[in-house]
Amino acid sequence: MNDKTQRFQLPTNLELDTKTILKEVYNALDEKGYQPIDQIVGYILSEDPTYITTHNNARSLIRRVDRDELLSELVINYLK
């Protein structure tokens, strides 16, 4: 029996880390004329995705990161 099943796997270098995602979201918000810090804080506090623009796929990007993980990363980096 000849198994011709092909497996597809995304390269690991396409996975974005939290810092990269946050920077991209910040830049997208800034490009659209929003106050990026205010918008990101609003998103973190409410988990309402409408705080984040869809410009440059920013809303989809930020939703890849668990809100608790995002908050944890911010606190860790703030305290460094």
PDB file of N, CA and C in Angstrom:
ATOM      1  N   MET A   1       0.831  -1.171   0.000  1.00  0.00           N
ATOM      2  CA  MET A   1       0.000   0.000   0.000  1.00  0.00           C
ATOM      3  C   MET A   1       0.883   1.244   0.000  1.00  0.00           C
ATOM      4  N   ASN A   2       0.641   2.135  -0.911  1.00  0.00           N
ATOM      5  CA  ASN A   2       1.450   3.332  -1.055  1.00  0.00           C
ATOM      6  C   ASN A   2       0.749   4.521  -0.395  1.00  0.00           C
ATOM      7  N   ASP A   3       1.322   5.000   0.709  1.00  0.00           N
ATOM      8  CA  ASP A   3       0.738   6.119   1.445  1.00  0.00           C
ATOM      9  C   ASP A   3       1.274   7.421   0.871  1.00  0.00           C
ATOM     10  N   LYS A   4       0.411   8.188   0.226  1.00  0.00           N
ATOM     11  CA  LYS A   4       0.826   9.447  -0.387  1.00  0.00           C
ATOM     12  C   LYS A   4       0.328  10.648   0.407  1.00  0.00           C
ATOM     13  N   THR A   5       0.068  10.434   1.667  1.00  0.00           N
ATOM     14  CA  THR A   5      -0.381  11.534   2.515  1.00  0.00           C
ATOM     15  C   THR A   5       0.767  12.501   2.740  1.00  0.00           C
ATOM     16  N   GLN A   6       0.493  13.747   2.464  1.00  0.00           N
ATOM     17  CA  GLN A   6       1.499  14.773   2.702  1.00  0.00           C
ATOM     18  C   GLN A   6       1.138  15.519   3.973  1.00  0.00           C
ATOM     19  N   ARG A   7       2.127  15.783   4.744  1.00  0.00           N
ATOM     20  CA  ARG A   7       1.916  16.526   5.981  1.00  0.00           C
ATOM     21  C   ARG A   7       2.424  17.949   5.789  1.00  0.00           C
ATOM     22  N   PHE A   8       1.657  18.860   6.303  1.00  0.00           N
ATOM     23  CA  PHE A   8       2.025  20.258   6.207  1.00  0.00           C
ATOM     24  C   PHE A   8       2.299  20.780   7.608  1.00  0.00           C
ATOM     25  N   GLN A   9       3.442  21.404   7.773  1.00  0.00           N
ATOM     26  CA  GLN A   9       3.796  21.965   9.061  1.00  0.00           C
ATOM     27  C   GLN A   9       4.401  23.342   8.826  1.00  0.00           C
ATOM     28  N   LEU A  10       3.873  24.331   9.548  1.00  0.00           N
ATOM     29  CA  LEU A  10       4.428  25.671   9.422  1.00  0.00           C
ATOM     30  C   LEU A  10       5.824  25.720  10.017  1.00  0.00           C
ATOM     31  N   PRO A  11       6.720  26.420   9.373  1.00  0.00           N
ATOM     32  CA  PRO A  11       8.052  26.575   9.952  1.00  0.00           C
ATOM     33  C   PRO A  11       7.965  27.321  11.277  1.00  0.00           C
ATOM     34  N   THR A  12       8.782  26.923  12.239  1.00  0.00           N
ATOM     35  CA  THR A  12       8.730  27.540  13.557  1.00  0.00           C
ATOM     36  C   THR A  12       9.158  29.001  13.539  1.00  0.00           C
ATOM     37  N   ASN A  13       9.909  29.425  12.546  1.00  0.00           N
ATOM     38  CA  ASN A  13      10.336  30.813  12.510  1.00  0.00           C
ATOM     39  C   ASN A  13       9.189  31.764  12.184  1.00  0.00           C
ATOM     40  N   LEU A  14       8.030  31.233  11.781  1.00  0.00           N
ATOM     41  CA  LEU A  14       6.870  32.073  11.527  1.00  0.00           C
ATOM     42  C   LEU A  14       6.091  32.364  12.805  1.00  0.00           C
ATOM     43  N   GLU A  15       6.394  31.640  13.864  1.00  0.00           N
ATOM     44  CA  GLU A  15       5.723  31.886  15.118  1.00  0.00           C
ATOM     45  C   GLU A  15       6.279  33.169  15.726  1.00  0.00           C
ATOM     46  N   LEU A  16       5.372  34.041  16.097  1.00  0.00           N
ATOM     47  CA  LEU A  16       5.792  35.319  16.649  1.00  0.00           C
ATOM     48  C   LEU A  16       5.758  35.269  18.163  1.00  0.00           C
ATOM     49  N   ASP A  17       6.743  35.889  18.775  1.00  0.00           N
ATOM     50  CA  ASP A  17       6.749  35.947  20.227  1.00  0.00           C
ATOM     51  C   ASP A  17       5.901  37.130  20.692  1.00  0.00           C
ATOM     52  N   THR A  18       5.625  37.170  21.964  1.00  0.00           N
ATOM     53  CA  THR A  18       4.760  38.195  22.533  1.00  0.00           C
ATOM     54  C   THR A  18       5.290  39.597  22.268  1.00  0.00           C
ATOM     55  N   LYS A  19       6.581  39.796  22.424  1.00  0.00           N
ATOM     56  CA  LYS A  19       7.171  41.117  22.216  1.00  0.00           C
ATOM     57  C   LYS A  19       6.988  41.589  20.779  1.00  0.00           C
ATOM     58  N   THR A  20       7.218  40.710  19.831  1.00  0.00           N
ATOM     59  CA  THR A  20       7.061  41.050  18.424  1.00  0.00           C
ATOM     60  C   THR A  20       5.613  41.406  18.115  1.00  0.00           C
ATOM     61  N   ILE A  21       4.693  40.614  18.641  1.00  0.00           N
ATOM     62  CA  ILE A  21       3.271  40.874  18.416  1.00  0.00           C
ATOM     63  C   ILE A  21       2.889  42.228  18.993  1.00  0.00           C
ATOM     64  N   LEU A  22       3.325  42.498  20.200  1.00  0.00           N
ATOM     65  CA  LEU A  22       2.989  43.759  20.844  1.00  0.00           C
ATOM     66  C   LEU A  22       3.545  44.954  20.064  1.00  0.00           C
ATOM     67  N   LYS A  23       4.760  44.817  19.551  1.00  0.00           N
ATOM     68  CA  LYS A  23       5.354  45.889  18.748  1.00  0.00           C
ATOM     69  C   LYS A  23       4.574  46.112  17.459  1.00  0.00           C
ATOM     70  N   GLU A  24       4.170  45.030  16.809  1.00  0.00           N
ATOM     71  CA  GLU A  24       3.422  45.154  15.560  1.00  0.00           C
ATOM     72  C   GLU A  24       2.051  45.781  15.797  1.00  0.00           C
ATOM     73  N   VAL A  25       1.408  45.386  16.890  1.00  0.00           N
ATOM     74  CA  VAL A  25       0.107  45.963  17.233  1.00  0.00           C
ATOM     75  C   VAL A  25       0.275  47.453  17.535  1.00  0.00           C
ATOM     76  N   TYR A  26       1.290  47.787  18.308  1.00  0.00           N
ATOM     77  CA  TYR A  26       1.577  49.190  18.630  1.00  0.00           C
ATOM     78  C   TYR A  26       1.755  49.999  17.344  1.00  0.00           C
ATOM     79  N   ASN A  27       2.572  49.492  16.428  1.00  0.00           N
ATOM     80  CA  ASN A  27       2.840  50.203  15.174  1.00  0.00           C
ATOM     81  C   ASN A  27       1.577  50.378  14.337  1.00  0.00           C
ATOM     82  N   ALA A  28       0.745  49.354  14.282  1.00  0.00           N
ATOM     83  CA  ALA A  28      -0.503  49.437  13.511  1.00  0.00           C
ATOM     84  C   ALA A  28      -1.427  50.493  14.110  1.00  0.00           C
ATOM     85  N   LEU A  29      -1.529  50.521  15.431  1.00  0.00           N
ATOM     86  CA  LEU A  29      -2.364  51.523  16.094  1.00  0.00           C
ATOM     87  C   LEU A  29      -1.822  52.930  15.840  1.00  0.00           C
ATOM     88  N   ASP A  30      -0.516  53.078  15.926  1.00  0.00           N
ATOM     89  CA  ASP A  30       0.125  54.370  15.694  1.00  0.00           C
ATOM     90  C   ASP A  30      -0.101  54.843  14.253  1.00  0.00           C
ATOM     91  N   GLU A  31       0.040  53.927  13.296  1.00  0.00           N
ATOM     92  CA  GLU A  31      -0.170  54.267  11.883  1.00  0.00           C
ATOM     93  C   GLU A  31      -1.588  54.762  11.624  1.00  0.00           C
ATOM     94  N   LYS A  32      -2.549  54.233  12.357  1.00  0.00           N
ATOM     95  CA  LYS A  32      -3.944  54.630  12.166  1.00  0.00           C
ATOM     96  C   LYS A  32      -4.310  55.875  12.968  1.00  0.00           C
ATOM     97  N   GLY A  33      -3.355  56.416  13.725  1.00  0.00           N
ATOM     98  CA  GLY A  33      -3.595  57.654  14.445  1.00  0.00           C
ATOM     99  C   GLY A  33      -4.184  57.484  15.837  1.00  0.00           C
ATOM    100  N   TYR A  34      -4.193  56.268  16.343  1.00  0.00           N
ATOM    101  CA  TYR A  34      -4.692  56.019  17.691  1.00  0.00           C
ATOM    102  C   TYR A  34      -3.580  56.258  18.712  1.00  0.00           C
ATOM    103  N   GLN A  35      -3.946  56.340  19.968  1.00  0.00           N
ATOM    104  CA  GLN A  35      -2.988  56.377  21.073  1.00  0.00           C
ATOM    105  C   GLN A  35      -2.702  54.918  21.439  1.00  0.00           C
ATOM    106  N   PRO A  36      -1.599  54.349  20.956  1.00  0.00           N
ATOM    107  CA  PRO A  36      -1.358  52.912  21.118  1.00  0.00           C
ATOM    108  C   PRO A  36      -1.381  52.414  22.565  1.00  0.00           C
ATOM    109  N   ILE A  37      -0.774  53.153  23.472  1.00  0.00           N
ATOM    110  CA  ILE A  37      -0.732  52.709  24.863  1.00  0.00           C
ATOM    111  C   ILE A  37      -2.151  52.638  25.427  1.00  0.00           C
ATOM    112  N   ASP A  38      -2.945  53.675  25.204  1.00  0.00           N
ATOM    113  CA  ASP A  38      -4.323  53.692  25.705  1.00  0.00           C
ATOM    114  C   ASP A  38      -5.137  52.534  25.137  1.00  0.00           C
ATOM    115  N   GLN A  39      -4.964  52.281  23.856  1.00  0.00           N
ATOM    116  CA  GLN A  39      -5.727  51.217  23.206  1.00  0.00           C
ATOM    117  C   GLN A  39      -5.322  49.841  23.726  1.00  0.00           C
ATOM    118  N   ILE A  40      -4.030  49.620  23.894  1.00  0.00           N
ATOM    119  CA  ILE A  40      -3.541  48.323  24.384  1.00  0.00           C
ATOM    120  C   ILE A  40      -3.974  48.104  25.825  1.00  0.00           C
ATOM    121  N   VAL A  41      -3.882  49.142  26.648  1.00  0.00           N
ATOM    122  CA  VAL A  41      -4.340  49.028  28.038  1.00  0.00           C
ATOM    123  C   VAL A  41      -5.834  48.726  28.069  1.00  0.00           C
ATOM    124  N   GLY A  42      -6.606  49.401  27.246  1.00  0.00           N
ATOM    125  CA  GLY A  42      -8.041  49.133  27.160  1.00  0.00           C
ATOM    126  C   GLY A  42      -8.322  47.688  26.799  1.00  0.00           C
ATOM    127  N   TYR A  43      -7.559  47.175  25.849  1.00  0.00           N
ATOM    128  CA  TYR A  43      -7.718  45.775  25.455  1.00  0.00           C
ATOM    129  C   TYR A  43      -7.373  44.836  26.610  1.00  0.00           C
ATOM    130  N   ILE A  44      -6.263  45.082  27.284  1.00  0.00           N
ATOM    131  CA  ILE A  44      -5.843  44.208  28.378  1.00  0.00           C
ATOM    132  C   ILE A  44      -6.879  44.202  29.497  1.00  0.00           C
ATOM    133  N   LEU A  45      -7.404  45.383  29.837  1.00  0.00           N
ATOM    134  CA  LEU A  45      -8.371  45.471  30.931  1.00  0.00           C
ATOM    135  C   LEU A  45      -9.716  44.831  30.593  1.00  0.00           C
ATOM    136  N   SER A  46     -10.144  44.984  29.362  1.00  0.00           N
ATOM    137  CA  SER A  46     -11.487  44.527  28.995  1.00  0.00           C
ATOM    138  C   SER A  46     -11.515  43.243  28.171  1.00  0.00           C
ATOM    139  N   GLU A  47     -10.412  42.943  27.510  1.00  0.00           N
ATOM    140  CA  GLU A  47     -10.311  41.861  26.526  1.00  0.00           C
ATOM    141  C   GLU A  47     -11.292  42.068  25.367  1.00  0.00           C
ATOM    142  N   ASP A  48     -11.635  43.316  25.129  1.00  0.00           N
ATOM    143  CA  ASP A  48     -12.508  43.685  24.016  1.00  0.00           C
ATOM    144  C   ASP A  48     -11.632  43.941  22.793  1.00  0.00           C
ATOM    145  N   PRO A  49     -11.716  43.089  21.786  1.00  0.00           N
ATOM    146  CA  PRO A  49     -10.816  43.212  20.636  1.00  0.00           C
ATOM    147  C   PRO A  49     -11.025  44.479  19.810  1.00  0.00           C
ATOM    148  N   THR A  50     -12.156  45.168  20.014  1.00  0.00           N
ATOM    149  CA  THR A  50     -12.378  46.377  19.223  1.00  0.00           C
ATOM    150  C   THR A  50     -11.461  47.530  19.636  1.00  0.00           C
ATOM    151  N   TYR A  51     -10.744  47.393  20.730  1.00  0.00           N
ATOM    152  CA  TYR A  51      -9.730  48.386  21.090  1.00  0.00           C
ATOM    153  C   TYR A  51      -8.554  48.345  20.113  1.00  0.00           C
ATOM    154  N   ILE A  52      -8.409  47.233  19.409  1.00  0.00           N
ATOM    155  CA  ILE A  52      -7.271  47.037  18.507  1.00  0.00           C
ATOM    156  C   ILE A  52      -7.758  47.101  17.066  1.00  0.00           C
ATOM    157  N   THR A  53      -7.086  47.899  16.273  1.00  0.00           N
ATOM    158  CA  THR A  53      -7.439  48.043  14.862  1.00  0.00           C
ATOM    159  C   THR A  53      -7.213  46.746  14.084  1.00  0.00           C
ATOM    160  N   THR A  54      -7.941  46.610  12.995  1.00  0.00           N
ATOM    161  CA  THR A  54      -7.708  45.473  12.097  1.00  0.00           C
ATOM    162  C   THR A  54      -6.573  45.775  11.114  1.00  0.00           C
ATOM    163  N   HIS A  55      -6.130  47.025  11.095  1.00  0.00           N
ATOM    164  CA  HIS A  55      -5.030  47.454  10.208  1.00  0.00           C
ATOM    165  C   HIS A  55      -3.809  46.555  10.424  1.00  0.00           C
ATOM    166  N   ASN A  56      -3.237  46.097   9.333  1.00  0.00           N
ATOM    167  CA  ASN A  56      -2.053  45.220   9.358  1.00  0.00           C
ATOM    168  C   ASN A  56      -2.271  43.956  10.196  1.00  0.00           C
ATOM    169  N   ASN A  57      -3.522  43.523  10.270  1.00  0.00           N
ATOM    170  CA  ASN A  57      -3.858  42.278  10.959  1.00  0.00           C
ATOM    171  C   ASN A  57      -3.581  42.335  12.472  1.00  0.00           C
ATOM    172  N   ALA A  58      -3.551  43.549  13.027  1.00  0.00           N
ATOM    173  CA  ALA A  58      -3.188  43.730  14.436  1.00  0.00           C
ATOM    174  C   ALA A  58      -4.157  43.025  15.384  1.00  0.00           C
ATOM    175  N   ARG A  59      -5.444  43.083  15.093  1.00  0.00           N
ATOM    176  CA  ARG A  59      -6.420  42.457  15.985  1.00  0.00           C
ATOM    177  C   ARG A  59      -6.233  40.945  16.039  1.00  0.00           C
ATOM    178  N   SER A  60      -5.986  40.350  14.907  1.00  0.00           N
ATOM    179  CA  SER A  60      -5.746  38.901  14.881  1.00  0.00           C
ATOM    180  C   SER A  60      -4.456  38.547  15.610  1.00  0.00           C
ATOM    181  N   LEU A  61      -3.450  39.378  15.451  1.00  0.00           N
ATOM    182  CA  LEU A  61      -2.169  39.123  16.120  1.00  0.00           C
ATOM    183  C   LEU A  61      -2.319  39.158  17.638  1.00  0.00           C
ATOM    184  N   ILE A  62      -2.956  40.202  18.161  1.00  0.00           N
ATOM    185  CA  ILE A  62      -3.049  40.342  19.612  1.00  0.00           C
ATOM    186  C   ILE A  62      -3.873  39.216  20.225  1.00  0.00           C
ATOM    187  N   ARG A  63      -4.808  38.676  19.459  1.00  0.00           N
ATOM    188  CA  ARG A  63      -5.642  37.591  19.977  1.00  0.00           C
ATOM    189  C   ARG A  63      -4.906  36.253  20.008  1.00  0.00           C
ATOM    190  N   ARG A  64      -3.708  36.195  19.423  1.00  0.00           N
ATOM    191  CA  ARG A  64      -2.884  34.989  19.502  1.00  0.00           C
ATOM    192  C   ARG A  64      -2.255  34.821  20.883  1.00  0.00           C
ATOM    193  N   VAL A  65      -2.172  35.943  21.601  1.00  0.00           N
ATOM    194  CA  VAL A  65      -1.524  35.936  22.913  1.00  0.00           C
ATOM    195  C   VAL A  65      -2.601  35.947  23.985  1.00  0.00           C
ATOM    196  N   ASP A  66      -2.527  35.001  24.896  1.00  0.00           N
ATOM    197  CA  ASP A  66      -3.445  34.966  26.018  1.00  0.00           C
ATOM    198  C   ASP A  66      -3.273  36.243  26.839  1.00  0.00           C
ATOM    199  N   ARG A  67      -4.370  36.839  27.242  1.00  0.00           N
ATOM    200  CA  ARG A  67      -4.310  38.111  27.964  1.00  0.00           C
ATOM    201  C   ARG A  67      -3.495  37.999  29.251  1.00  0.00           C
ATOM    202  N   ASP A  68      -3.647  36.905  29.979  1.00  0.00           N
ATOM    203  CA  ASP A  68      -2.867  36.706  31.203  1.00  0.00           C
ATOM    204  C   ASP A  68      -1.376  36.605  30.898  1.00  0.00           C
ATOM    205  N   GLU A  69      -1.058  35.928  29.804  1.00  0.00           N
ATOM    206  CA  GLU A  69       0.341  35.808  29.384  1.00  0.00           C
ATOM    207  C   GLU A  69       0.903  37.176  29.014  1.00  0.00           C
ATOM    208  N   LEU A  70       0.103  37.957  28.312  1.00  0.00           N
ATOM    209  CA  LEU A  70       0.525  39.296  27.920  1.00  0.00           C
ATOM    210  C   LEU A  70       0.787  40.159  29.148  1.00  0.00           C
ATOM    211  N   LEU A  71      -0.112  40.141  30.092  1.00  0.00           N
ATOM    212  CA  LEU A  71       0.050  40.925  31.311  1.00  0.00           C
ATOM    213  C   LEU A  71       1.265  40.459  32.111  1.00  0.00           C
ATOM    214  N   SER A  72       1.453  39.162  32.184  1.00  0.00           N
ATOM    215  CA  SER A  72       2.600  38.604  32.887  1.00  0.00           C
ATOM    216  C   SER A  72       3.912  39.055  32.249  1.00  0.00           C
ATOM    217  N   GLU A  73       3.990  38.995  30.926  1.00  0.00           N
ATOM    218  CA  GLU A  73       5.198  39.429  30.204  1.00  0.00           C
ATOM    219  C   GLU A  73       5.483  40.905  30.461  1.00  0.00           C
ATOM    220  N   LEU A  74       4.439  41.719  30.465  1.00  0.00           N
ATOM    221  CA  LEU A  74       4.622  43.150  30.704  1.00  0.00           C
ATOM    222  C   LEU A  74       5.168  43.418  32.100  1.00  0.00           C
ATOM    223  N   VAL A  75       4.645  42.732  33.102  1.00  0.00           N
ATOM    224  CA  VAL A  75       5.099  42.925  34.480  1.00  0.00           C
ATOM    225  C   VAL A  75       6.546  42.446  34.614  1.00  0.00           C
ATOM    226  N   ILE A  76       6.852  41.295  34.065  1.00  0.00           N
ATOM    227  CA  ILE A  76       8.215  40.763  34.146  1.00  0.00           C
ATOM    228  C   ILE A  76       9.206  41.742  33.527  1.00  0.00           C
ATOM    229  N   ASN A  77       8.881  42.255  32.343  1.00  0.00           N
ATOM    230  CA  ASN A  77       9.798  43.179  31.671  1.00  0.00           C
ATOM    231  C   ASN A  77       9.867  44.540  32.355  1.00  0.00           C
ATOM    232  N   TYR A  78       8.795  44.949  32.975  1.00  0.00           N
ATOM    233  CA  TYR A  78       8.802  46.216  33.707  1.00  0.00           C
ATOM    234  C   TYR A  78       9.717  46.137  34.912  1.00  0.00           C
ATOM    235  N   LEU A  79       9.727  44.991  35.573  1.00  0.00           N
ATOM    236  CA  LEU A  79      10.510  44.821  36.786  1.00  0.00           C
ATOM    237  C   LEU A  79      11.989  44.514  36.532  1.00  0.00           C
ATOM    238  N   LYS A  80      12.350  44.261  35.312  1.00  0.00           N
ATOM    239  CA  LYS A  80      13.754  43.971  34.983  1.00  0.00           C
ATOM    240  C   LYS A  80      14.604  45.213  35.087  1.00  0.00           C
TER     241      LYS A  80
END
